Amino acid sequence: MEVQLQKDFLIKLSHAKMPFGKYKDRYLIDLPEYYIVWYHTKGFPKGTLGQQLQTVYELKVNGLEYLVRNIREL
């Protein structure tokens, strides 16, 4: 079941957009790296958005953001 939860999380992440601020309505995976790093140093928000931004950070650090972009195109 855990694999299904991870799959669902990545599918939702691939369609998630920034709900506020300068980058409002931009896909989270397409946010500039410096912005994600800023959140990493400042602290991610609580809840789902924070989990999604933290995942985006890990994906970008490891050069794997293409995986989420590929999911969005399916």
PDB file of N, CA and C in Angstrom:
ATOM      1  N   MET A   1       0.822  -1.202   0.000  1.00  0.00           N
ATOM      2  CA  MET A   1       0.000   0.000   0.000  1.00  0.00           C
ATOM      3  C   MET A   1       0.863   1.262   0.000  1.00  0.00           C
ATOM      4  N   GLU A   2       2.019   1.192   0.633  1.00  0.00           N
ATOM      5  CA  GLU A   2       2.883   2.369   0.713  1.00  0.00           C
ATOM      6  C   GLU A   2       3.331   2.828  -0.675  1.00  0.00           C
ATOM      7  N   VAL A   3       3.593   1.901  -1.565  1.00  0.00           N
ATOM      8  CA  VAL A   3       3.999   2.247  -2.931  1.00  0.00           C
ATOM      9  C   VAL A   3       2.889   3.032  -3.622  1.00  0.00           C
ATOM     10  N   GLN A   4       1.648   2.622  -3.400  1.00  0.00           N
ATOM     11  CA  GLN A   4       0.508   3.328  -3.996  1.00  0.00           C
ATOM     12  C   GLN A   4       0.410   4.748  -3.446  1.00  0.00           C
ATOM     13  N   LEU A   5       0.667   4.928  -2.143  1.00  0.00           N
ATOM     14  CA  LEU A   5       0.634   6.260  -1.541  1.00  0.00           C
ATOM     15  C   LEU A   5       1.716   7.157  -2.147  1.00  0.00           C
ATOM     16  N   GLN A   6       2.899   6.601  -2.352  1.00  0.00           N
ATOM     17  CA  GLN A   6       3.985   7.363  -2.965  1.00  0.00           C
ATOM     18  C   GLN A   6       3.642   7.734  -4.401  1.00  0.00           C
ATOM     19  N   LYS A   7       3.048   6.798  -5.118  1.00  0.00           N
ATOM     20  CA  LYS A   7       2.646   7.052  -6.499  1.00  0.00           C
ATOM     21  C   LYS A   7       1.606   8.170  -6.548  1.00  0.00           C
ATOM     22  N   ASP A   8       0.603   8.086  -5.681  1.00  0.00           N
ATOM     23  CA  ASP A   8      -0.436   9.124  -5.625  1.00  0.00           C
ATOM     24  C   ASP A   8       0.155  10.484  -5.262  1.00  0.00           C
ATOM     25  N   PHE A   9       1.114  10.489  -4.320  1.00  0.00           N
ATOM     26  CA  PHE A   9       1.757  11.737  -3.916  1.00  0.00           C
ATOM     27  C   PHE A   9       2.482  12.369  -5.098  1.00  0.00           C
ATOM     28  N   LEU A  10       3.217  11.568  -5.868  1.00  0.00           N
ATOM     29  CA  LEU A  10       3.954  12.102  -7.014  1.00  0.00           C
ATOM     30  C   LEU A  10       3.012  12.581  -8.121  1.00  0.00           C
ATOM     31  N   ILE A  11       1.907  11.901  -8.301  1.00  0.00           N
ATOM     32  CA  ILE A  11       0.930  12.347  -9.301  1.00  0.00           C
ATOM     33  C   ILE A  11       0.352  13.698  -8.889  1.00  0.00           C
ATOM     34  N   LYS A  12      -0.014  13.834  -7.623  1.00  0.00           N
ATOM     35  CA  LYS A  12      -0.545  15.114  -7.128  1.00  0.00           C
ATOM     36  C   LYS A  12       0.519  16.201  -7.210  1.00  0.00           C
ATOM     37  N   LEU A  13       1.763  15.853  -6.879  1.00  0.00           N
ATOM     38  CA  LEU A  13       2.852  16.812  -6.955  1.00  0.00           C
ATOM     39  C   LEU A  13       3.055  17.302  -8.384  1.00  0.00           C
ATOM     40  N   SER A  14       2.905  16.426  -9.342  1.00  0.00           N
ATOM     41  CA  SER A  14       3.130  16.810 -10.737  1.00  0.00           C
ATOM     42  C   SER A  14       2.125  17.852 -11.221  1.00  0.00           C
ATOM     43  N   HIS A  15       0.969  17.935 -10.562  1.00  0.00           N
ATOM     44  CA  HIS A  15      -0.067  18.896 -10.952  1.00  0.00           C
ATOM     45  C   HIS A  15      -0.208  20.052  -9.963  1.00  0.00           C
ATOM     46  N   ALA A  16       0.568  20.029  -8.885  1.00  0.00           N
ATOM     47  CA  ALA A  16       0.451  21.048  -7.842  1.00  0.00           C
ATOM     48  C   ALA A  16       1.067  22.374  -8.300  1.00  0.00           C
ATOM     49  N   LYS A  17       0.371  23.451  -7.963  1.00  0.00           N
ATOM     50  CA  LYS A  17       0.849  24.792  -8.307  1.00  0.00           C
ATOM     51  C   LYS A  17       1.025  25.619  -7.034  1.00  0.00           C
ATOM     52  N   MET A  18       1.901  26.592  -7.118  1.00  0.00           N
ATOM     53  CA  MET A  18       2.145  27.487  -5.989  1.00  0.00           C
ATOM     54  C   MET A  18       0.884  28.312  -5.751  1.00  0.00           C
ATOM     55  N   PRO A  19       0.347  28.290  -4.521  1.00  0.00           N
ATOM     56  CA  PRO A  19      -0.932  28.957  -4.270  1.00  0.00           C
ATOM     57  C   PRO A  19      -0.833  30.458  -3.974  1.00  0.00           C
ATOM     58  N   PHE A  20       0.374  30.999  -3.819  1.00  0.00           N
ATOM     59  CA  PHE A  20       0.496  32.411  -3.441  1.00  0.00           C
ATOM     60  C   PHE A  20       1.854  32.964  -3.858  1.00  0.00           C
ATOM     61  N   GLY A  21       2.004  34.275  -3.717  1.00  0.00           N
ATOM     62  CA  GLY A  21       3.295  34.922  -3.903  1.00  0.00           C
ATOM     63  C   GLY A  21       3.670  35.195  -5.344  1.00  0.00           C
ATOM     64  N   LYS A  22       4.934  35.519  -5.499  1.00  0.00           N
ATOM     65  CA  LYS A  22       5.492  35.910  -6.800  1.00  0.00           C
ATOM     66  C   LYS A  22       5.289  34.821  -7.865  1.00  0.00           C
ATOM     67  N   TYR A  23       5.329  33.577  -7.452  1.00  0.00           N
ATOM     68  CA  TYR A  23       5.231  32.460  -8.394  1.00  0.00           C
ATOM     69  C   TYR A  23       3.875  31.766  -8.340  1.00  0.00           C
ATOM     70  N   LYS A  24       2.846  32.501  -7.940  1.00  0.00           N
ATOM     71  CA  LYS A  24       1.495  31.947  -7.857  1.00  0.00           C
ATOM     72  C   LYS A  24       1.104  31.325  -9.196  1.00  0.00           C
ATOM     73  N   ASP A  25       0.481  30.162  -9.141  1.00  0.00           N
ATOM     74  CA  ASP A  25      -0.013  29.398 -10.284  1.00  0.00           C
ATOM     75  C   ASP A  25       1.079  28.763 -11.136  1.00  0.00           C
ATOM     76  N   ARG A  26       2.316  28.781 -10.691  1.00  0.00           N
ATOM     77  CA  ARG A  26       3.385  28.065 -11.393  1.00  0.00           C
ATOM     78  C   ARG A  26       3.489  26.669 -10.781  1.00  0.00           C
ATOM     79  N   TYR A  27       3.706  25.668 -11.625  1.00  0.00           N
ATOM     80  CA  TYR A  27       3.886  24.316 -11.105  1.00  0.00           C
ATOM     81  C   TYR A  27       5.042  24.307 -10.107  1.00  0.00           C
ATOM     82  N   LEU A  28       4.861  23.591  -9.009  1.00  0.00           N
ATOM     83  CA  LEU A  28       5.903  23.554  -7.971  1.00  0.00           C
ATOM     84  C   LEU A  28       7.227  23.049  -8.529  1.00  0.00           C
ATOM     85  N   ILE A  29       7.171  22.073  -9.399  1.00  0.00           N
ATOM     86  CA  ILE A  29       8.402  21.505  -9.946  1.00  0.00           C
ATOM     87  C   ILE A  29       9.123  22.508 -10.848  1.00  0.00           C
ATOM     88  N   ASP A  30       8.417  23.525 -11.328  1.00  0.00           N
ATOM     89  CA  ASP A  30       9.009  24.532 -12.210  1.00  0.00           C
ATOM     90  C   ASP A  30       9.440  25.794 -11.472  1.00  0.00           C
ATOM     91  N   LEU A  31       9.321  25.800 -10.146  1.00  0.00           N
ATOM     92  CA  LEU A  31       9.798  26.952  -9.374  1.00  0.00           C
ATOM     93  C   LEU A  31      11.317  27.040  -9.497  1.00  0.00           C
ATOM     94  N   PRO A  32      11.862  28.251  -9.504  1.00  0.00           N
ATOM     95  CA  PRO A  32      13.321  28.390  -9.595  1.00  0.00           C
ATOM     96  C   PRO A  32      14.019  27.710  -8.410  1.00  0.00           C
ATOM     97  N   GLU A  33      15.159  27.154  -8.692  1.00  0.00           N
ATOM     98  CA  GLU A  33      15.894  26.430  -7.658  1.00  0.00           C
ATOM     99  C   GLU A  33      16.238  27.319  -6.469  1.00  0.00           C
ATOM    100  N   TYR A  34      16.632  28.578  -6.727  1.00  0.00           N
ATOM    101  CA  TYR A  34      17.000  29.463  -5.619  1.00  0.00           C
ATOM    102  C   TYR A  34      15.819  29.686  -4.670  1.00  0.00           C
ATOM    103  N   TYR A  35      14.603  29.674  -5.193  1.00  0.00           N
ATOM    104  CA  TYR A  35      13.405  29.865  -4.387  1.00  0.00           C
ATOM    105  C   TYR A  35      13.174  28.656  -3.479  1.00  0.00           C
ATOM    106  N   ILE A  36      13.366  27.476  -4.025  1.00  0.00           N
ATOM    107  CA  ILE A  36      13.220  26.254  -3.237  1.00  0.00           C
ATOM    108  C   ILE A  36      14.309  26.170  -2.174  1.00  0.00           C
ATOM    109  N   VAL A  37      15.532  26.563  -2.523  1.00  0.00           N
ATOM    110  CA  VAL A  37      16.632  26.566  -1.554  1.00  0.00           C
ATOM    111  C   VAL A  37      16.342  27.574  -0.440  1.00  0.00           C
ATOM    112  N   TRP A  38      15.755  28.704  -0.783  1.00  0.00           N
ATOM    113  CA  TRP A  38      15.374  29.702   0.220  1.00  0.00           C
ATOM    114  C   TRP A  38      14.392  29.095   1.219  1.00  0.00           C
ATOM    115  N   TYR A  39      13.397  28.368   0.724  1.00  0.00           N
ATOM    116  CA  TYR A  39      12.459  27.694   1.622  1.00  0.00           C
ATOM    117  C   TYR A  39      13.183  26.660   2.480  1.00  0.00           C
ATOM    118  N   HIS A  40      14.147  25.980   1.888  1.00  0.00           N
ATOM    119  CA  HIS A  40      14.894  24.970   2.634  1.00  0.00           C
ATOM    120  C   HIS A  40      15.621  25.604   3.825  1.00  0.00           C
ATOM    121  N   THR A  41      16.203  26.769   3.623  1.00  0.00           N
ATOM    122  CA  THR A  41      16.926  27.434   4.713  1.00  0.00           C
ATOM    123  C   THR A  41      15.971  28.138   5.679  1.00  0.00           C
ATOM    124  N   LYS A  42      14.881  28.683   5.178  1.00  0.00           N
ATOM    125  CA  LYS A  42      13.907  29.400   6.018  1.00  0.00           C
ATOM    126  C   LYS A  42      13.008  28.430   6.779  1.00  0.00           C
ATOM    127  N   GLY A  43      12.674  27.337   6.131  1.00  0.00           N
ATOM    128  CA  GLY A  43      11.736  26.363   6.690  1.00  0.00           C
ATOM    129  C   GLY A  43      10.538  26.223   5.770  1.00  0.00           C
ATOM    130  N   PHE A  44      10.191  25.004   5.466  1.00  0.00           N
ATOM    131  CA  PHE A  44       9.051  24.746   4.591  1.00  0.00           C
ATOM    132  C   PHE A  44       7.758  24.981   5.367  1.00  0.00           C
ATOM    133  N   PRO A  45       6.691  25.388   4.667  1.00  0.00           N
ATOM    134  CA  PRO A  45       5.405  25.534   5.349  1.00  0.00           C
ATOM    135  C   PRO A  45       4.919  24.183   5.871  1.00  0.00           C
ATOM    136  N   LYS A  46       3.997  24.238   6.789  1.00  0.00           N
ATOM    137  CA  LYS A  46       3.419  23.004   7.329  1.00  0.00           C
ATOM    138  C   LYS A  46       2.399  22.437   6.338  1.00  0.00           C
ATOM    139  N   GLY A  47       2.101  21.191   6.500  1.00  0.00           N
ATOM    140  CA  GLY A  47       1.052  20.563   5.707  1.00  0.00           C
ATOM    141  C   GLY A  47       1.529  20.034   4.366  1.00  0.00           C
ATOM    142  N   THR A  48       0.551  19.830   3.494  1.00  0.00           N
ATOM    143  CA  THR A  48       0.807  19.226   2.186  1.00  0.00           C
ATOM    144  C   THR A  48       1.754  20.071   1.344  1.00  0.00           C
ATOM    145  N   LEU A  49       1.545  21.384   1.323  1.00  0.00           N
ATOM    146  CA  LEU A  49       2.421  22.247   0.526  1.00  0.00           C
ATOM    147  C   LEU A  49       3.870  22.113   0.975  1.00  0.00           C
ATOM    148  N   GLY A  50       4.101  22.081   2.266  1.00  0.00           N
ATOM    149  CA  GLY A  50       5.457  21.924   2.785  1.00  0.00           C
ATOM    150  C   GLY A  50       6.079  20.609   2.378  1.00  0.00           C
ATOM    151  N   GLN A  51       5.291  19.533   2.443  1.00  0.00           N
ATOM    152  CA  GLN A  51       5.791  18.220   2.021  1.00  0.00           C
ATOM    153  C   GLN A  51       6.121  18.224   0.534  1.00  0.00           C
ATOM    154  N   GLN A  52       5.265  18.867  -0.240  1.00  0.00           N
ATOM    155  CA  GLN A  52       5.505  18.927  -1.687  1.00  0.00           C
ATOM    156  C   GLN A  52       6.752  19.749  -1.989  1.00  0.00           C
ATOM    157  N   LEU A  53       6.915  20.897  -1.340  1.00  0.00           N
ATOM    158  CA  LEU A  53       8.092  21.730  -1.588  1.00  0.00           C
ATOM    159  C   LEU A  53       9.368  21.022  -1.141  1.00  0.00           C
ATOM    160  N   GLN A  54       9.298  20.308  -0.047  1.00  0.00           N
ATOM    161  CA  GLN A  54      10.468  19.563   0.416  1.00  0.00           C
ATOM    162  C   GLN A  54      10.840  18.467  -0.584  1.00  0.00           C
ATOM    163  N   THR A  55       9.843  17.824  -1.143  1.00  0.00           N
ATOM    164  CA  THR A  55      10.096  16.799  -2.162  1.00  0.00           C
ATOM    165  C   THR A  55      10.692  17.429  -3.414  1.00  0.00           C
ATOM    166  N   VAL A  56      10.166  18.583  -3.819  1.00  0.00           N
ATOM    167  CA  VAL A  56      10.716  19.295  -4.978  1.00  0.00           C
ATOM    168  C   VAL A  56      12.178  19.636  -4.720  1.00  0.00           C
ATOM    169  N   TYR A  57      12.487  20.077  -3.511  1.00  0.00           N
ATOM    170  CA  TYR A  57      13.882  20.386  -3.157  1.00  0.00           C
ATOM    171  C   TYR A  57      14.763  19.154  -3.358  1.00  0.00           C
ATOM    172  N   GLU A  58      14.341  18.024  -2.823  1.00  0.00           N
ATOM    173  CA  GLU A  58      15.132  16.796  -2.944  1.00  0.00           C
ATOM    174  C   GLU A  58      15.281  16.371  -4.411  1.00  0.00           C
ATOM    175  N   LEU A  59      14.221  16.501  -5.171  1.00  0.00           N
ATOM    176  CA  LEU A  59      14.288  16.147  -6.587  1.00  0.00           C
ATOM    177  C   LEU A  59      15.259  17.049  -7.340  1.00  0.00           C
ATOM    178  N   LYS A  60      15.200  18.356  -7.076  1.00  0.00           N
ATOM    179  CA  LYS A  60      16.084  19.298  -7.767  1.00  0.00           C
ATOM    180  C   LYS A  60      17.537  19.091  -7.372  1.00  0.00           C
ATOM    181  N   VAL A  61      17.785  18.869  -6.084  1.00  0.00           N
ATOM    182  CA  VAL A  61      19.155  18.633  -5.612  1.00  0.00           C
ATOM    183  C   VAL A  61      19.767  17.419  -6.309  1.00  0.00           C
ATOM    184  N   ASN A  62      18.938  16.423  -6.560  1.00  0.00           N
ATOM    185  CA  ASN A  62      19.427  15.187  -7.170  1.00  0.00           C
ATOM    186  C   ASN A  62      19.221  15.122  -8.680  1.00  0.00           C
ATOM    187  N   GLY A  63      18.752  16.226  -9.274  1.00  0.00           N
ATOM    188  CA  GLY A  63      18.583  16.281 -10.721  1.00  0.00           C
ATOM    189  C   GLY A  63      17.485  15.385 -11.253  1.00  0.00           C
ATOM    190  N   LEU A  64      16.445  15.169 -10.464  1.00  0.00           N
ATOM    191  CA  LEU A  64      15.392  14.235 -10.844  1.00  0.00           C
ATOM    192  C   LEU A  64      14.057  14.901 -11.141  1.00  0.00           C
ATOM    193  N   GLU A  65      14.038  16.214 -11.285  1.00  0.00           N
ATOM    194  CA  GLU A  65      12.759  16.889 -11.506  1.00  0.00           C
ATOM    195  C   GLU A  65      12.078  16.454 -12.800  1.00  0.00           C
ATOM    196  N   TYR A  66      12.837  15.934 -13.744  1.00  0.00           N
ATOM    197  CA  TYR A  66      12.259  15.451 -14.998  1.00  0.00           C
ATOM    198  C   TYR A  66      11.247  14.326 -14.749  1.00  0.00           C
ATOM    199  N   LEU A  67      11.424  13.567 -13.673  1.00  0.00           N
ATOM    200  CA  LEU A  67      10.491  12.486 -13.370  1.00  0.00           C
ATOM    201  C   LEU A  67       9.077  13.018 -13.137  1.00  0.00           C
ATOM    202  N   VAL A  68       8.975  14.104 -12.388  1.00  0.00           N
ATOM    203  CA  VAL A  68       7.660  14.699 -12.099  1.00  0.00           C
ATOM    204  C   VAL A  68       7.095  15.350 -13.356  1.00  0.00           C
ATOM    205  N   ARG A  69       7.951  15.968 -14.138  1.00  0.00           N
ATOM    206  CA  ARG A  69       7.475  16.561 -15.394  1.00  0.00           C
ATOM    207  C   ARG A  69       6.947  15.485 -16.340  1.00  0.00           C
ATOM    208  N   ASN A  70       7.613  14.347 -16.366  1.00  0.00           N
ATOM    209  CA  ASN A  70       7.149  13.233 -17.210  1.00  0.00           C
ATOM    210  C   ASN A  70       5.800  12.703 -16.736  1.00  0.00           C
ATOM    211  N   ILE A  71       5.580  12.633 -15.440  1.00  0.00           N
ATOM    212  CA  ILE A  71       4.300  12.182 -14.902  1.00  0.00           C
ATOM    213  C   ILE A  71       3.201  13.134 -15.330  1.00  0.00           C
ATOM    214  N   ARG A  72       3.457  14.426 -15.295  1.00  0.00           N
ATOM    215  CA  ARG A  72       2.456  15.435 -15.654  1.00  0.00           C
ATOM    216  C   ARG A  72       2.039  15.292 -17.120  1.00  0.00           C
ATOM    217  N   GLU A  73       2.947  14.855 -17.971  1.00  0.00           N
ATOM    218  CA  GLU A  73       2.649  14.740 -19.389  1.00  0.00           C
ATOM    219  C   GLU A  73       1.837  13.498 -19.741  1.00  0.00           C
ATOM    220  N   LEU A  74       1.734  12.556 -18.818  1.00  0.00           N
ATOM    221  CA  LEU A  74       0.976  11.320 -19.090  1.00  0.00           C
ATOM    222  C   LEU A  74      -0.508  11.578 -19.163  1.00  0.00           C
TER     223      LEU A  74
END
